[in-house]
Protein backbone atom coordinates (compact mmCIF):
# COMPACT_ATOMS: atom_id res chain seq x y z
CA UNK A 1 46.80 36.60 -85.17
CA UNK A 2 43.15 35.72 -84.90
CA UNK A 3 42.13 34.18 -81.58
CA UNK A 4 39.43 31.46 -81.18
CA UNK A 5 37.10 32.12 -78.30
CA UNK A 6 34.55 29.38 -79.16
CA UNK A 7 36.02 26.79 -76.72
CA UNK A 8 35.99 29.06 -73.72
CA UNK A 9 33.55 28.04 -70.95
CA UNK A 10 30.72 30.38 -70.36
CA UNK A 11 30.90 32.01 -66.98
CA UNK A 12 28.61 30.32 -64.40
CA UNK A 13 26.16 32.68 -62.86
CA UNK A 14 25.84 31.78 -59.17
CA UNK A 15 23.25 33.04 -56.80
CA UNK A 16 24.43 35.04 -53.92
CA UNK A 17 25.15 33.02 -50.82
CA UNK A 18 23.55 35.70 -48.78
CA UNK A 19 20.32 35.35 -50.68
CA UNK A 20 20.35 31.55 -50.29
CA UNK A 21 21.04 31.86 -46.58
CA UNK A 22 18.24 34.38 -46.13
CA UNK A 23 15.83 32.16 -48.03
CA UNK A 24 16.81 29.13 -45.94
CA UNK A 25 16.31 30.98 -42.67
CA UNK A 26 12.86 32.18 -43.74
CA UNK A 27 11.83 28.66 -44.80
CA UNK A 28 13.16 27.21 -41.50
CA UNK A 29 11.32 29.87 -39.46
CA UNK A 30 8.14 29.23 -41.35
CA UNK A 31 8.43 25.43 -40.80
CA UNK A 32 8.97 25.91 -37.07
CA UNK A 33 6.02 28.26 -36.74
CA UNK A 34 3.82 25.91 -38.70
CA UNK A 35 4.87 22.94 -36.57
CA UNK A 36 4.26 24.78 -33.31
CA UNK A 37 0.88 26.05 -34.54
CA UNK A 38 -0.24 22.55 -35.59
CA UNK A 39 0.98 21.14 -32.25
CA UNK A 40 -0.88 23.83 -30.36
CA UNK A 41 -4.07 23.20 -32.36
CA UNK A 42 -3.72 19.49 -31.80
CA UNK A 43 -3.40 19.99 -28.05
CA UNK A 44 -6.47 22.28 -28.05
CA UNK A 45 -8.45 19.61 -29.89
CA UNK A 46 -7.23 16.79 -27.66
CA UNK A 47 -8.10 18.67 -24.45
CA UNK A 48 -11.24 20.28 -25.89
CA UNK A 49 -13.53 18.76 -23.24
CA UNK A 50 -11.41 19.84 -20.33
CA UNK A 51 -10.88 23.30 -21.82
CA UNK A 52 -14.58 23.78 -22.47
CA UNK A 53 -15.40 22.74 -18.93
CA UNK A 54 -12.82 24.82 -17.09
CA UNK A 55 -12.66 27.92 -19.17
CA UNK A 56 -16.37 27.90 -19.86
CA UNK A 57 -17.51 27.69 -16.25
CA UNK A 58 -14.59 29.36 -14.42
CA UNK A 59 -13.75 32.27 -16.71
CA UNK A 60 -15.01 34.76 -14.16
CA UNK A 61 -11.80 34.43 -12.17
CA UNK A 62 -8.95 36.90 -12.53
CA UNK A 63 -6.00 34.86 -13.75
CA UNK A 64 -2.47 35.52 -12.59
CA UNK A 65 0.42 33.23 -13.53
CA UNK A 66 -0.18 30.82 -10.65
CA UNK A 67 -3.88 30.63 -11.50
CA UNK A 68 -3.13 29.95 -15.17
CA UNK A 69 -0.79 27.07 -14.22
CA UNK A 70 -3.52 25.69 -11.94
CA UNK A 71 -6.07 25.93 -14.76
CA UNK A 72 -3.74 24.00 -17.10
CA UNK A 73 -3.32 21.33 -14.41
CA UNK A 74 -7.09 21.22 -13.90
CA UNK A 75 -7.66 20.68 -17.63
CA UNK A 76 -5.37 17.67 -17.60
CA UNK A 77 -6.98 16.33 -14.38
CA UNK A 78 -10.41 16.59 -15.94
CA UNK A 79 -9.15 14.76 -19.05
CA UNK A 80 -7.67 11.93 -16.97
CA UNK A 81 -10.82 11.53 -14.89
CA UNK A 82 -12.97 11.47 -18.02
CA UNK A 83 -10.81 8.81 -19.66
CA UNK A 84 -10.87 6.59 -16.53
CA UNK A 85 -14.59 6.88 -15.91
CA UNK A 86 -15.93 3.91 -13.96
CA UNK A 87 -12.77 3.50 -11.87
CA UNK A 88 -12.63 4.50 -8.21
CA UNK A 89 -11.21 7.89 -7.20
CA UNK A 90 -9.41 8.72 -3.95
CA UNK A 91 -6.92 11.12 -2.38
CA UNK A 92 -3.92 10.90 -0.05
CA UNK A 93 -3.15 13.29 2.79
CA UNK A 94 -0.65 14.11 5.52
CA UNK A 95 -0.03 16.88 7.99
CA UNK A 96 0.87 19.14 5.05
CA UNK A 97 -2.84 19.47 4.26
CA UNK A 98 -3.40 21.01 7.70
CA UNK A 99 -6.77 20.68 9.44
CA UNK A 100 -9.08 18.80 7.07
CA UNK A 101 -12.87 19.26 7.21
CA UNK A 102 -13.76 15.65 6.57
CA UNK A 103 -17.49 16.25 6.54
CA UNK A 104 -17.07 18.43 3.43
CA UNK A 105 -15.01 15.96 1.41
CA UNK A 106 -17.33 14.51 -1.15
CA UNK A 107 -16.18 14.66 -4.77
CA UNK A 108 -13.95 16.25 -7.37
CA UNK A 109 -15.69 18.96 -9.40
CA UNK A 110 -19.02 17.68 -8.09
CA UNK A 111 -18.82 14.86 -10.56
CA UNK A 112 -16.33 12.24 -9.30
CA UNK A 113 -17.04 10.82 -5.84
CA UNK A 114 -14.08 10.37 -3.49
CA UNK A 115 -14.31 6.83 -2.06
CA UNK A 116 -10.90 6.26 -0.45
CA UNK A 117 -7.97 8.03 1.20
CA UNK A 118 -4.43 7.05 2.08
CA UNK A 119 -3.20 8.79 5.23
CA UNK A 120 0.44 9.15 6.22
CA UNK A 121 1.04 7.59 9.62
CA UNK A 122 4.78 7.42 10.20
CA UNK A 123 8.12 8.64 8.83
CA UNK A 124 11.39 6.76 9.28
CA UNK A 125 12.12 5.15 12.62
CA UNK A 126 11.06 7.99 14.94
CA UNK A 127 8.42 10.38 13.59
CA UNK A 128 4.68 10.31 13.65
CA UNK A 129 2.58 12.36 11.26
CA UNK A 130 1.14 15.18 13.35
CA UNK A 131 -2.32 14.82 11.84
CA UNK A 132 -2.52 11.07 11.53
CA UNK A 133 -4.86 10.34 14.44
CA UNK A 134 -7.19 13.22 13.51
CA UNK A 135 -7.27 12.17 9.83
CA UNK A 136 -7.63 8.48 10.62
CA UNK A 137 -10.70 9.07 12.76
CA UNK A 138 -12.12 11.72 10.41
CA UNK A 139 -12.02 9.42 7.38
CA UNK A 140 -13.71 6.59 9.32
CA UNK A 141 -16.43 8.87 10.71
CA UNK A 142 -17.29 10.11 7.23
CA UNK A 143 -17.34 6.58 5.75
CA UNK A 144 -14.38 7.04 3.41
CA UNK A 145 -12.37 3.85 2.87
CA UNK A 146 -9.04 4.56 4.59
CA UNK A 147 -5.52 3.24 4.39
CA UNK A 148 -2.30 4.15 6.21
CA UNK A 149 1.14 4.54 4.73
CA UNK A 150 4.71 4.72 6.02
CA UNK A 151 7.33 7.01 4.52
CA UNK A 152 10.45 4.89 4.38
CA UNK A 153 13.85 6.45 5.04
CA UNK A 154 16.52 4.32 3.28
CA UNK A 155 19.33 5.16 5.75
CA UNK A 156 17.40 4.12 8.88
CA UNK A 157 16.84 0.70 10.42
CA UNK A 158 14.03 -1.15 8.65
CA UNK A 159 13.01 -3.19 11.72
CA UNK A 160 12.57 -0.07 13.80
CA UNK A 161 10.59 1.60 11.00
CA UNK A 162 8.26 -1.38 10.84
CA UNK A 163 7.81 -1.41 14.62
CA UNK A 164 6.93 2.29 14.70
CA UNK A 165 4.20 1.72 12.09
CA UNK A 166 2.78 -1.25 14.01
CA UNK A 167 2.68 0.77 17.26
CA UNK A 168 0.89 3.65 15.45
CA UNK A 169 -1.58 1.98 13.11
CA UNK A 170 -4.43 -0.30 14.14
CA UNK A 171 -6.30 -1.64 11.13
CA UNK A 172 -9.96 -2.56 11.21
CA UNK A 173 -12.27 -4.47 8.91
CA UNK A 174 -12.81 -2.47 5.71
CA UNK A 175 -9.43 -0.63 5.82
CA UNK A 176 -6.99 -0.82 2.96
CA UNK A 177 -3.72 -2.78 3.27
CA UNK A 178 -0.65 -0.97 4.73
CA UNK A 179 1.49 0.97 2.26
CA UNK A 180 5.26 1.34 2.10
CA UNK A 181 6.22 4.66 0.52
CA UNK A 182 9.76 4.52 -0.96
CA UNK A 183 11.02 7.44 -3.03
CA UNK A 184 14.69 8.00 -2.15
CA UNK A 185 17.88 6.13 -2.90
CA UNK A 186 20.28 5.36 -0.03
CA UNK A 187 23.31 7.52 0.74
CA UNK A 188 25.18 5.31 3.18
CA UNK A 189 24.39 1.84 1.87
CA UNK A 190 24.21 -0.14 -1.36
CA UNK A 191 21.10 -0.64 -3.39
CA UNK A 192 21.20 -4.33 -2.49
CA UNK A 193 21.09 -3.46 1.24
CA UNK A 194 18.17 -1.10 0.62
CA UNK A 195 16.20 -3.91 -1.02
CA UNK A 196 16.95 -6.19 1.95
CA UNK A 197 15.60 -3.52 4.29
CA UNK A 198 12.46 -3.01 2.20
CA UNK A 199 11.80 -6.74 2.14
CA UNK A 200 12.24 -6.93 5.94
CA UNK A 201 9.73 -4.11 6.47
CA UNK A 202 7.20 -5.72 4.13
CA UNK A 203 7.60 -9.15 5.70
CA UNK A 204 7.16 -7.86 9.29
CA UNK A 205 4.11 -5.84 8.33
CA UNK A 206 2.48 -8.69 6.49
CA UNK A 207 3.07 -11.08 9.41
CA UNK A 208 1.52 -8.57 11.87
CA UNK A 209 -1.55 -7.48 9.89
CA UNK A 210 -2.09 -10.74 8.01
CA UNK A 211 -2.40 -8.89 4.70
CA UNK A 212 0.15 -8.22 1.93
CA UNK A 213 1.30 -4.54 1.90
CA UNK A 214 1.21 -2.25 -1.11
CA UNK A 215 4.32 -0.40 -2.36
CA UNK A 216 4.12 3.26 -3.37
CA UNK A 217 6.81 4.83 -5.55
CA UNK A 218 7.43 6.84 -8.68
CA UNK A 219 7.20 5.22 -12.11
CA UNK A 220 10.91 5.58 -12.83
CA UNK A 221 11.88 4.18 -9.43
CA UNK A 222 9.46 1.31 -9.95
CA UNK A 223 10.85 0.48 -13.40
CA UNK A 224 14.53 0.80 -12.50
CA UNK A 225 14.73 -0.75 -9.01
CA UNK A 226 11.56 -2.56 -7.91
CA UNK A 227 9.55 -4.02 -10.73
CA UNK A 228 11.47 -7.29 -11.12
CA UNK A 229 12.56 -8.13 -7.59
CA UNK A 230 9.26 -7.07 -5.92
CA UNK A 231 6.89 -8.41 -8.58
CA UNK A 232 5.05 -10.39 -5.90
CA UNK A 233 3.68 -7.10 -4.51
CA UNK A 234 1.02 -4.76 -5.78
CA UNK A 235 2.09 -1.19 -6.66
CA UNK A 236 0.71 2.28 -6.27
CA UNK A 237 2.56 4.41 -8.86
CA UNK A 238 3.04 8.18 -9.03
CA UNK A 239 3.24 9.75 -12.50
CA UNK A 240 2.17 13.34 -13.17
CA UNK A 241 3.38 13.56 -16.76
CA UNK A 242 1.11 15.63 -18.95
CA UNK A 243 1.07 13.05 -21.74
CA UNK A 244 -0.11 10.15 -19.59
CA UNK A 245 -3.87 9.80 -19.35
CA UNK A 246 -4.35 6.14 -18.59
CA UNK A 247 -2.80 3.75 -16.07
CA UNK A 248 -0.85 0.62 -16.82
CA UNK A 249 -2.61 -2.69 -16.30
CA UNK A 250 -0.12 -3.86 -13.65
CA UNK A 251 -0.70 -0.76 -11.42
CA UNK A 252 -3.09 -1.16 -8.55
CA UNK A 253 -3.32 2.62 -7.91
CA UNK A 254 -2.18 5.57 -9.94
CA UNK A 255 -1.39 8.97 -8.36
CA UNK A 256 -1.86 11.14 -11.42
CA UNK A 257 -1.71 14.63 -9.90
CA UNK A 258 -0.48 16.57 -6.88
CA UNK A 259 -2.44 19.68 -7.86
CA UNK A 260 -6.07 19.06 -7.32
CA UNK A 261 -8.64 21.06 -5.33
CA UNK A 262 -11.09 19.32 -3.01
CA UNK A 263 -13.67 21.02 -0.81
CA UNK A 264 -12.68 20.65 2.85
CA UNK A 265 -8.92 20.83 2.12
CA UNK A 266 -6.96 24.07 1.86
CA UNK A 267 -4.42 24.09 -0.95
CA UNK A 268 -3.55 21.30 -3.32
CA UNK A 269 -4.02 17.57 -2.71
CA UNK A 270 -2.94 14.38 -4.46
CA UNK A 271 -5.56 12.41 -6.41
CA UNK A 272 -5.43 8.70 -7.19
CA UNK A 273 -7.27 6.22 -9.33
CA UNK A 274 -7.85 2.60 -8.27
CA UNK A 275 -7.63 0.19 -11.22
CA UNK A 276 -11.16 -1.11 -10.75
CA UNK A 277 -14.61 -0.17 -9.52
CA UNK A 278 -15.79 0.38 -5.95
CA UNK A 279 -16.82 -3.24 -5.47
CA UNK A 280 -13.38 -4.41 -6.50
CA UNK A 281 -11.79 -1.88 -4.14
CA UNK A 282 -13.74 -3.25 -1.21
CA UNK A 283 -12.57 -6.73 -2.16
CA UNK A 284 -8.94 -5.91 -1.34
CA UNK A 285 -9.70 -4.36 2.07
CA UNK A 286 -8.89 -6.02 5.40
CA UNK A 287 -11.40 -8.67 6.46
């Protein structure tokens, strides 16, 4: 009997799964490498001015890992300063900076004059900064606009913290308003009780010095806990993120780095930008 094979389906020739998988992996690897390369080139272009400045004029240094990290931080610092040209630059210090040679403090990178400094005065309800008096007098002697700040401990009595600051800090004409530094969340009390304590400290300080205090905190802390309920106060915000290069309009001061180098100070120091020029900064000082 003759068989009819004409209706039989032709066998489907399929590509090896292994070959497909290998091709897919190569394509994926190539895409990732391309993306990273483009991102790297984009960053190089974006930070071209800072890179040209720092690696062009400081390439004589032997770079270890720590030095490389510092160079990267310096590039970003230079970029931020360049993008905020015309605004007033300052630093903030405490006992952690050791003995400061105030007569040598002049500018950042010999380009950006340092016009103001915030100096830590007190911590919690019982501790004075070991270098406060020395720094307070040194800044005044060298005609740097000065301000004092209190590091607030959430789990300690707010009235006693305010009293310690008042006993320690005597403001004069031309000084910046007092600053409340709040960075921690409470352990033994509710967030509502913390806010009551902060408000008490601020109210007592304002009544004593006849000027409204400034609040210092991190950007996330500000957004999550303080922005709405303390909107009647001016804020000094800390944000060191690499992507941020300009300050928000509602910030009075911006602490943009903790890794800057200033002549007269050993080690790193924080740098801040005031959201205005020098004349506007003088306008908010104590009369």
